[in-house]
């Protein structure tokens, strides 16, 4: 399973308005819930927040990759948001976040899907040109192509 298989245009949000990390996570969870991949949105949000308690998912360069592995997830999916205004995320570089890539992973996965998706995204985000393109791009199809 790869990124292209678990993200579609309905999960790419441009100019998302959220003033806190929690608001952004909740709105992306709404998006995943509308896709039909969450059996319990509140439970999934709790799993994402629990993960944040262990260590920040603000990876630097204005990007966060929150994720939740939970029994409330029925199939792997990704929601992407380009935020209207940067949000504080306790990122590793102490910078606010403007791009959020949130993963939803079923609890039954052995870790392969989770790690494969995170790894694929992390490798792509090492490309500074790609990161800069994501920060300015508003075309949802192009964003999916960049990530996929």
C-alpha atoms as a PDB file:
ATOM      1  CA  UNK A   1       0.000   0.000   0.000  1.00  0.00           C
ATOM      2  CA  UNK A   2       1.322   3.469  -0.875  1.00  0.00           C
ATOM      3  CA  UNK A   3       0.278   7.096  -0.453  1.00  0.00           C
ATOM      4  CA  UNK A   4      -1.410   7.286  -3.870  1.00  0.00           C
ATOM      5  CA  UNK A   5      -3.736   4.454  -2.841  1.00  0.00           C
ATOM      6  CA  UNK A   6      -4.987   6.099   0.358  1.00  0.00           C
ATOM      7  CA  UNK A   7      -5.523   9.751  -0.572  1.00  0.00           C
ATOM      8  CA  UNK A   8      -8.041  11.226  -2.946  1.00  0.00           C
ATOM      9  CA  UNK A   9      -9.142  14.698  -3.919  1.00  0.00           C
ATOM     10  CA  UNK A  10     -11.872  14.897  -1.263  1.00  0.00           C
ATOM     11  CA  UNK A  11      -9.210  14.570   1.452  1.00  0.00           C
ATOM     12  CA  UNK A  12      -7.119  17.490   0.175  1.00  0.00           C
ATOM     13  CA  UNK A  13      -8.172  20.706   1.891  1.00  0.00           C
ATOM     14  CA  UNK A  14      -6.867  24.119   0.825  1.00  0.00           C
ATOM     15  CA  UNK A  15      -6.894  27.195   3.087  1.00  0.00           C
ATOM     16  CA  UNK A  16      -8.175  25.223   6.059  1.00  0.00           C
ATOM     17  CA  UNK A  17      -9.116  27.620   8.831  1.00  0.00           C
ATOM     18  CA  UNK A  18      -8.008  26.404  12.216  1.00  0.00           C
ATOM     19  CA  UNK A  19      -6.386  28.378  14.997  1.00  0.00           C
ATOM     20  CA  UNK A  20      -5.147  25.461  17.104  1.00  0.00           C
ATOM     21  CA  UNK A  21      -3.628  22.054  16.603  1.00  0.00           C
ATOM     22  CA  UNK A  22      -6.810  20.460  17.978  1.00  0.00           C
ATOM     23  CA  UNK A  23      -9.067  22.362  15.560  1.00  0.00           C
ATOM     24  CA  UNK A  24      -6.946  21.240  12.608  1.00  0.00           C
ATOM     25  CA  UNK A  25      -6.938  17.604  13.774  1.00  0.00           C
ATOM     26  CA  UNK A  26     -10.717  17.700  14.295  1.00  0.00           C
ATOM     27  CA  UNK A  27     -11.358  19.146  10.828  1.00  0.00           C
ATOM     28  CA  UNK A  28      -9.133  16.571   9.159  1.00  0.00           C
ATOM     29  CA  UNK A  29     -10.878  13.841  11.155  1.00  0.00           C
ATOM     30  CA  UNK A  30     -14.207  15.200   9.848  1.00  0.00           C
ATOM     31  CA  UNK A  31     -12.846  14.812   6.342  1.00  0.00           C
ATOM     32  CA  UNK A  32     -11.799  11.211   7.004  1.00  0.00           C
ATOM     33  CA  UNK A  33     -15.154  10.499   8.647  1.00  0.00           C
ATOM     34  CA  UNK A  34     -16.972  11.745   5.524  1.00  0.00           C
ATOM     35  CA  UNK A  35     -14.853   9.345   3.474  1.00  0.00           C
ATOM     36  CA  UNK A  36     -16.287   6.564   5.637  1.00  0.00           C
ATOM     37  CA  UNK A  37     -13.008   5.228   7.049  1.00  0.00           C
ATOM     38  CA  UNK A  38     -13.762   5.978  10.719  1.00  0.00           C
ATOM     39  CA  UNK A  39     -16.231   3.998  12.781  1.00  0.00           C
ATOM     40  CA  UNK A  40     -15.797   6.386  15.723  1.00  0.00           C
ATOM     41  CA  UNK A  41     -14.404   9.836  14.955  1.00  0.00           C
ATOM     42  CA  UNK A  42     -13.937  10.814  18.615  1.00  0.00           C
ATOM     43  CA  UNK A  43     -11.983   7.629  19.313  1.00  0.00           C
ATOM     44  CA  UNK A  44      -9.734   8.255  16.336  1.00  0.00           C
ATOM     45  CA  UNK A  45      -9.093  11.862  17.403  1.00  0.00           C
ATOM     46  CA  UNK A  46      -8.158  10.577  20.861  1.00  0.00           C
ATOM     47  CA  UNK A  47      -5.650   8.152  19.288  1.00  0.00           C
ATOM     48  CA  UNK A  48      -4.065  11.026  17.324  1.00  0.00           C
ATOM     49  CA  UNK A  49      -3.855  13.198  20.443  1.00  0.00           C
ATOM     50  CA  UNK A  50      -2.346  10.333  22.463  1.00  0.00           C
ATOM     51  CA  UNK A  51       0.347   9.977  19.789  1.00  0.00           C
ATOM     52  CA  UNK A  52       1.068  13.720  20.058  1.00  0.00           C
ATOM     53  CA  UNK A  53       1.615  13.340  23.818  1.00  0.00           C
ATOM     54  CA  UNK A  54       4.472  10.889  23.199  1.00  0.00           C
ATOM     55  CA  UNK A  55       6.318  13.202  20.833  1.00  0.00           C
ATOM     56  CA  UNK A  56       5.414  15.945  18.434  1.00  0.00           C
ATOM     57  CA  UNK A  57       4.518  15.131  14.861  1.00  0.00           C
ATOM     58  CA  UNK A  58       5.634  18.603  13.822  1.00  0.00           C
ATOM     59  CA  UNK A  59       8.609  17.422  11.773  1.00  0.00           C
ATOM     60  CA  UNK A  60       9.910  20.871  10.887  1.00  0.00           C
ATOM     61  CA  UNK A  61       9.905  23.086   7.831  1.00  0.00           C
ATOM     62  CA  UNK A  62       6.271  24.033   8.493  1.00  0.00           C
ATOM     63  CA  UNK A  63       4.989  20.452   8.242  1.00  0.00           C
ATOM     64  CA  UNK A  64       3.218  18.117  10.676  1.00  0.00           C
ATOM     65  CA  UNK A  65       2.364  14.461  10.115  1.00  0.00           C
ATOM     66  CA  UNK A  66      -0.108  13.546  12.868  1.00  0.00           C
ATOM     67  CA  UNK A  67      -1.275   9.969  12.822  1.00  0.00           C
ATOM     68  CA  UNK A  68      -3.468   7.593  14.700  1.00  0.00           C
ATOM     69  CA  UNK A  69      -3.477   3.813  14.670  1.00  0.00           C
ATOM     70  CA  UNK A  70      -6.834   2.812  16.040  1.00  0.00           C
ATOM     71  CA  UNK A  71      -9.586   0.207  15.979  1.00  0.00           C
ATOM     72  CA  UNK A  72     -11.874   3.110  14.993  1.00  0.00           C
ATOM     73  CA  UNK A  73     -10.177   3.213  11.568  1.00  0.00           C
ATOM     74  CA  UNK A  74     -11.749   0.798   9.077  1.00  0.00           C
ATOM     75  CA  UNK A  75      -9.247   1.353   6.238  1.00  0.00           C
ATOM     76  CA  UNK A  76      -6.023   3.311   5.818  1.00  0.00           C
ATOM     77  CA  UNK A  77      -6.445   6.869   4.594  1.00  0.00           C
ATOM     78  CA  UNK A  78      -4.647  10.211   4.469  1.00  0.00           C
ATOM     79  CA  UNK A  79      -6.065  13.717   4.808  1.00  0.00           C
ATOM     80  CA  UNK A  80      -3.983  16.705   3.695  1.00  0.00           C
ATOM     81  CA  UNK A  81      -4.427  20.341   4.630  1.00  0.00           C
ATOM     82  CA  UNK A  82      -2.768  23.539   3.552  1.00  0.00           C
ATOM     83  CA  UNK A  83      -3.650  25.910   6.378  1.00  0.00           C
ATOM     84  CA  UNK A  84      -4.880  29.442   5.769  1.00  0.00           C
ATOM     85  CA  UNK A  85      -2.693  30.637   8.663  1.00  0.00           C
ATOM     86  CA  UNK A  86       0.171  28.740  10.365  1.00  0.00           C
ATOM     87  CA  UNK A  87      -0.649  27.002  13.657  1.00  0.00           C
ATOM     88  CA  UNK A  88       1.585  26.300  16.658  1.00  0.00           C
ATOM     89  CA  UNK A  89       2.402  22.554  16.764  1.00  0.00           C
ATOM     90  CA  UNK A  90       5.404  22.262  19.121  1.00  0.00           C
ATOM     91  CA  UNK A  91       7.421  21.285  16.052  1.00  0.00           C
ATOM     92  CA  UNK A  92      10.985  20.031  16.294  1.00  0.00           C
ATOM     93  CA  UNK A  93      12.285  23.297  14.794  1.00  0.00           C
ATOM     94  CA  UNK A  94       9.934  25.467  16.932  1.00  0.00           C
ATOM     95  CA  UNK A  95       8.277  26.813  13.762  1.00  0.00           C
ATOM     96  CA  UNK A  96       4.523  26.975  13.192  1.00  0.00           C
ATOM     97  CA  UNK A  97       2.921  24.501  10.799  1.00  0.00           C
ATOM     98  CA  UNK A  98       1.183  25.341   7.525  1.00  0.00           C
ATOM     99  CA  UNK A  99       1.009  21.854   5.932  1.00  0.00           C
ATOM    100  CA  UNK A 100      -0.608  18.930   7.765  1.00  0.00           C
ATOM    101  CA  UNK A 101      -0.627  15.371   6.435  1.00  0.00           C
ATOM    102  CA  UNK A 102      -2.750  13.209   8.749  1.00  0.00           C
ATOM    103  CA  UNK A 103      -2.725   9.420   8.568  1.00  0.00           C
ATOM    104  CA  UNK A 104      -5.476   7.083   9.726  1.00  0.00           C
ATOM    105  CA  UNK A 105      -4.318   3.495  10.157  1.00  0.00           C
ATOM    106  CA  UNK A 106      -6.429   0.495  11.224  1.00  0.00           C
ATOM    107  CA  UNK A 107      -5.272  -1.018  14.517  1.00  0.00           C
ATOM    108  CA  UNK A 108      -5.106  -4.503  12.998  1.00  0.00           C
ATOM    109  CA  UNK A 109      -2.288  -3.514  10.629  1.00  0.00           C
ATOM    110  CA  UNK A 110       0.988  -5.103  11.675  1.00  0.00           C
ATOM    111  CA  UNK A 111       2.799  -1.819  11.389  1.00  0.00           C
ATOM    112  CA  UNK A 112       3.790  -2.353   7.785  1.00  0.00           C
ATOM    113  CA  UNK A 113       1.175   0.023   6.361  1.00  0.00           C
ATOM    114  CA  UNK A 114       1.810   2.619   9.042  1.00  0.00           C
ATOM    115  CA  UNK A 115       5.581   2.573   8.635  1.00  0.00           C
ATOM    116  CA  UNK A 116       5.472   2.316   4.846  1.00  0.00           C
ATOM    117  CA  UNK A 117       3.217   5.373   4.511  1.00  0.00           C
ATOM    118  CA  UNK A 118       5.204   7.415   7.036  1.00  0.00           C
ATOM    119  CA  UNK A 119       8.458   6.455   5.346  1.00  0.00           C
ATOM    120  CA  UNK A 120       7.176   7.291   1.868  1.00  0.00           C
ATOM    121  CA  UNK A 121       5.986  10.713   3.025  1.00  0.00           C
ATOM    122  CA  UNK A 122       9.185  11.416   4.980  1.00  0.00           C
ATOM    123  CA  UNK A 123      11.371  10.593   1.962  1.00  0.00           C
ATOM    124  CA  UNK A 124       9.349  12.915  -0.274  1.00  0.00           C
ATOM    125  CA  UNK A 125       9.497  15.709   2.300  1.00  0.00           C
ATOM    126  CA  UNK A 126      13.306  15.590   2.262  1.00  0.00           C
ATOM    127  CA  UNK A 127      13.086  17.222  -1.169  1.00  0.00           C
ATOM    128  CA  UNK A 128      13.161  20.971  -0.442  1.00  0.00           C
ATOM    129  CA  UNK A 129      11.747  21.780  -3.883  1.00  0.00           C
ATOM    130  CA  UNK A 130       8.760  19.508  -3.244  1.00  0.00           C
ATOM    131  CA  UNK A 131       8.148  21.102   0.167  1.00  0.00           C
ATOM    132  CA  UNK A 132       8.226  24.578  -1.360  1.00  0.00           C
ATOM    133  CA  UNK A 133       5.844  23.437  -4.121  1.00  0.00           C
ATOM    134  CA  UNK A 134       3.410  22.078  -1.511  1.00  0.00           C
ATOM    135  CA  UNK A 135       3.492  25.383   0.381  1.00  0.00           C
ATOM    136  CA  UNK A 136       2.359  27.385  -2.652  1.00  0.00           C
ATOM    137  CA  UNK A 137       0.267  24.850  -4.588  1.00  0.00           C
ATOM    138  CA  UNK A 138      -3.529  25.145  -4.484  1.00  0.00           C
ATOM    139  CA  UNK A 139      -4.359  22.592  -7.198  1.00  0.00           C
ATOM    140  CA  UNK A 140      -5.547  19.485  -5.368  1.00  0.00           C
ATOM    141  CA  UNK A 141      -4.684  17.129  -8.237  1.00  0.00           C
ATOM    142  CA  UNK A 142      -1.104  18.442  -8.336  1.00  0.00           C
ATOM    143  CA  UNK A 143      -0.796  18.026  -4.568  1.00  0.00           C
ATOM    144  CA  UNK A 144      -1.899  14.387  -4.841  1.00  0.00           C
ATOM    145  CA  UNK A 145       0.625  13.872  -7.641  1.00  0.00           C
ATOM    146  CA  UNK A 146       3.391  15.401  -5.512  1.00  0.00           C
ATOM    147  CA  UNK A 147       2.563  13.112  -2.601  1.00  0.00           C
ATOM    148  CA  UNK A 148       1.698  10.016  -4.623  1.00  0.00           C
END
